[in-house]
Amino acid sequence: MSDRRSLRAYEWVTGVLGLVILIQAVATQGLENDWLLVGFWALSHLLFLDKTVFLTPDAAFMPGYPIIIAALCTTGLSGTAWLILASLVWHGIRNRDRISRLMFNTGSVAVAIAAANYAVSTVFPGVTKPLDSLSIDGLVYGLVLILTYHLVLTGAYSLLLYIEDPELPFITRLVRSLKKSLRWFMPSYYLFSMLLIHLAQTGGIIASLFFLSAIYALWRQFYLSQAYKEESIRAATDSLTGVANREGFRRYLDTTLCAARLPAAVLFVDIDDFKSINDEFGHEFGDRILCAVASLLKKFVRGDDLVVRWGGEEFIVFLWNTSIEQAFTVAERICKAVRNCELPHGAQITVSIGCSGTDDVNEVSRLVAAADNALYQAKHAGKDRVYVAATSE
């Protein structure tokens, strides 16, 4: 695929740069008597890395991220380096088939931590021990640290998304991510970090352990509640058609992605001239068409496959254990079924389909973009047809 080498190169370069930073920190800075605290932060980070704690429907925070900041403030760059390395080893063992993305995750966090450490050293020259986190200087220290870390990390991930899909300009994507995170993520991140640092400075491991235990209990209570389950399903489902939406597709890949399910294929389905249907019959009729197409697509998938409403009149059909040749056959059948389906008012519709496939687990995330490019070719070739994405070596 067109950006495959650029994406892989970016992941590995970032990962190697991060490892250099981590190894240098471990080699040049001692931990003295902080081993117990470093171990505590590392275990806490592994436990909370992927957990979001909801206090109210509109107030939430992710404890895994502030724990990194707390480790940096209380054990220095070397202690945080051990935490990040432990995380890499843990996730590397569990996800050996996604090593390039894990390297990127590790590298971007390491670069962000190093940048944050440099920023506070510049703003607070000569400060060699953690400031009182609830003093004025301590609050400013924490703000500089967290803001720098977050800006660098957001920039790294925005560039990754740009390389994956260059259609949205990098600056636009970065600004959008920063606006969203500064409105919700940063305030909770900052307050939680400062409180955790204060507890570690005044009460040590015991106080921090009690606090994090309470946070874990909050997370578990909400996670197991019926309200969470209902909201989780609602957030992942398109309200009009009842199929998955983009969030549902993201969760689906997170839980089903594995090499044993390969090869995988994506069909990018677009209803031809949908605007003219809305103009002629009205938007309510257009909604009925969308529901009809969604129902038809579900007839062509198996239990492990997924139909997604990607947006507007666009749908995705994700197929596991399906070669590109098999996917093309399914796409041709979908085109024929849509062409022959009976609709009210004598309306007739067709679809154009872009098809992509891979047997490389690291390329699964690129299938949608490749199928979208193939769909563009199908549209320009005359619509009501299937076009297979070209692959690159």
Foldseek 3Di string as FASTA:
>chain_A
DVLVVVLLVLLQVLLVQLVVLLVVLQVPDDQVPCPVVLVLLLVLLVVQVPFWFDPDPQAIARVNVLSLVLQCQARNLNSSSVSLVSVLVVVCVVCVQQNSNSSNVSSQQSVLQVQLVVQLCVVPPPDDHHDQCPDPVNLVNLVSSLVSSVLSSLLSVLVSVCSLPVPDPSVNSSVVVVVVCVVHHVVVSSVVNSVLNNCCVPVNPVSNVVVSVVSVVSRVVLCPDPVNVVVVLVVQADPLQGFGEPVVVVVLCVPPQDLVQDWKKKKKKAKPPLVVVCVVPNVVLSSVVLNVLSVLVVVLADDSWGWYDHDDRIIMTIHTPADQVRVQVSVLVSQVCQQPDDGPPRDHIGMEIFMEIDSRSNCPVSNVVQRVVQSVVRVVVPGSHYGYGDDDD
